[in-house]
Amino acid sequence: MTPSPPGGTAPGGAHLPPAPAPPGAAARPEPPFPAPVPRIEAITVREVRLALKEPFRISSGVQSHRRIVLVRLAGEGAEAWGECVAGEHPNYSPENADTAWLAIREW
């Protein structure tokens, strides 16, 4: 799939111009297209367990804490963080904290 240029694509494939800057805002130069992908030098995966301010109660049970999987990417002097929002158990979705760990480790 070819990425869309800045501004996007209209129905029928016509390219749209980038949205104008808000009044009074300095115009930003457009990045080169496609933008260069920075080199990833380190990936760190952590899990934190946070106590909830108050228990979360639903018909399938009570939850008093959250397991949260955090991912940190670092490279070329920059870093980015990501969070897996899947719950501890597969209540609403088949994904949970354990399947997130599996996917990160295997792929």
Protein backbone atom coordinates (compact mmCIF):
# COMPACT_ATOMS: atom_id res chain seq x y z
CA MET A 1 0.00 0.00 0.00
CA THR A 2 1.38 3.41 -0.96
CA PRO A 3 1.12 6.03 1.80
CA SER A 4 -1.01 9.10 1.13
CA PRO A 5 0.69 12.46 0.73
CA PRO A 6 0.22 15.16 3.39
CA GLY A 7 -3.41 16.25 3.38
CA GLY A 8 -4.80 12.83 2.50
CA THR A 9 -6.83 11.40 -0.35
CA ALA A 10 -10.40 12.24 -1.33
CA PRO A 11 -12.93 9.66 -2.55
CA GLY A 12 -11.97 8.68 -6.08
CA GLY A 13 -8.25 9.02 -5.39
CA ALA A 14 -7.81 12.79 -5.72
CA HIS A 15 -5.10 14.17 -3.44
CA LEU A 16 -6.16 16.80 -0.92
CA PRO A 17 -3.96 19.74 0.03
CA PRO A 18 -2.65 19.90 3.62
CA ALA A 19 -4.99 21.63 6.08
CA PRO A 20 -4.17 25.31 6.57
CA ALA A 21 -2.50 26.42 9.81
CA PRO A 22 -4.88 27.95 12.41
CA PRO A 23 -5.09 31.76 12.33
CA GLY A 24 -2.06 33.33 13.99
CA ALA A 25 -0.04 30.08 13.95
CA ALA A 26 3.29 29.92 12.19
CA ALA A 27 3.23 27.66 9.16
CA ARG A 28 5.18 24.43 9.68
CA PRO A 29 7.33 23.15 6.86
CA GLU A 30 6.05 19.83 5.54
CA PRO A 31 8.32 16.86 6.31
CA PRO A 32 9.84 15.07 3.31
CA PHE A 33 7.42 12.52 1.95
CA PRO A 34 7.65 9.74 2.80
CA ALA A 35 9.26 10.70 6.09
CA PRO A 36 12.53 8.88 6.86
CA VAL A 37 12.19 6.11 9.43
CA PRO A 38 14.56 6.54 12.39
CA ARG A 39 16.83 3.63 13.30
CA ILE A 40 15.65 1.80 16.44
CA GLU A 41 18.61 1.20 18.73
CA ALA A 42 16.81 -0.21 21.79
CA ILE A 43 13.45 -1.70 22.69
CA THR A 44 12.47 -1.99 26.35
CA VAL A 45 9.31 -3.78 27.47
CA ARG A 46 8.10 -3.35 31.05
CA GLU A 47 5.05 -4.32 32.99
CA VAL A 48 3.69 -2.23 35.82
CA ARG A 49 0.97 -3.14 38.26
CA LEU A 50 -1.07 -0.16 39.39
CA ALA A 51 -3.64 -0.09 42.15
CA LEU A 52 -6.91 1.47 41.02
CA LYS A 53 -8.23 4.43 42.98
CA GLU A 54 -11.41 2.43 43.57
CA PRO A 55 -12.35 -1.11 42.54
CA PHE A 56 -13.77 -1.58 39.04
CA ARG A 57 -16.89 -3.75 39.32
CA ILE A 58 -18.62 -5.50 36.43
CA SER A 59 -20.79 -8.61 36.17
CA SER A 60 -17.75 -10.87 35.67
CA GLY A 61 -15.97 -9.68 38.83
CA VAL A 62 -14.08 -6.95 40.63
CA GLN A 63 -10.71 -5.58 39.63
CA SER A 64 -8.61 -3.62 42.12
CA HIS A 65 -5.42 -3.25 40.05
CA ARG A 66 -4.29 -3.09 36.39
CA ARG A 67 -1.41 -4.85 34.67
CA ILE A 68 -0.08 -2.47 32.05
CA VAL A 69 2.50 -3.39 29.42
CA LEU A 70 4.72 -0.44 28.41
CA VAL A 71 7.07 -0.38 25.41
CA ARG A 72 9.90 2.13 24.95
CA LEU A 73 11.65 2.56 21.59
CA ALA A 74 14.88 4.58 21.47
CA GLY A 75 17.13 5.62 18.64
CA GLU A 76 18.92 8.54 17.04
CA GLY A 77 18.55 10.68 20.18
CA ALA A 78 14.77 10.26 20.43
CA GLU A 79 12.45 7.95 22.32
CA ALA A 80 8.81 6.93 22.03
CA TRP A 81 6.55 5.13 24.49
CA GLY A 82 3.57 2.88 23.84
CA GLU A 83 1.03 1.25 26.13
CA CYS A 84 -1.04 -1.90 25.73
CA VAL A 85 -4.51 -1.12 27.02
CA ALA A 86 -5.73 -4.73 27.03
CA GLY A 87 -7.06 -5.92 30.36
CA GLU A 88 -5.65 -8.67 32.54
CA HIS A 89 -8.36 -11.12 31.44
CA PRO A 90 -9.99 -11.54 28.01
CA ASN A 91 -13.38 -10.14 29.08
CA TYR A 92 -14.15 -7.79 26.15
CA SER A 93 -11.53 -8.92 23.66
CA PRO A 94 -9.38 -12.01 23.20
CA GLU A 95 -6.31 -9.85 23.83
CA ASN A 96 -4.98 -9.49 27.36
CA ALA A 97 -1.67 -8.56 29.00
CA ASP A 98 -0.29 -12.09 28.53
CA THR A 99 -1.14 -12.26 24.80
CA ALA A 100 0.42 -8.80 24.37
CA TRP A 101 3.66 -10.10 25.91
CA LEU A 102 3.52 -13.12 23.60
CA ALA A 103 3.05 -10.96 20.50
CA ILE A 104 5.87 -8.59 21.48
CA ARG A 105 8.25 -11.45 22.25
CA GLU A 106 7.44 -13.53 19.14
CA TRP A 107 7.13 -10.78 16.52
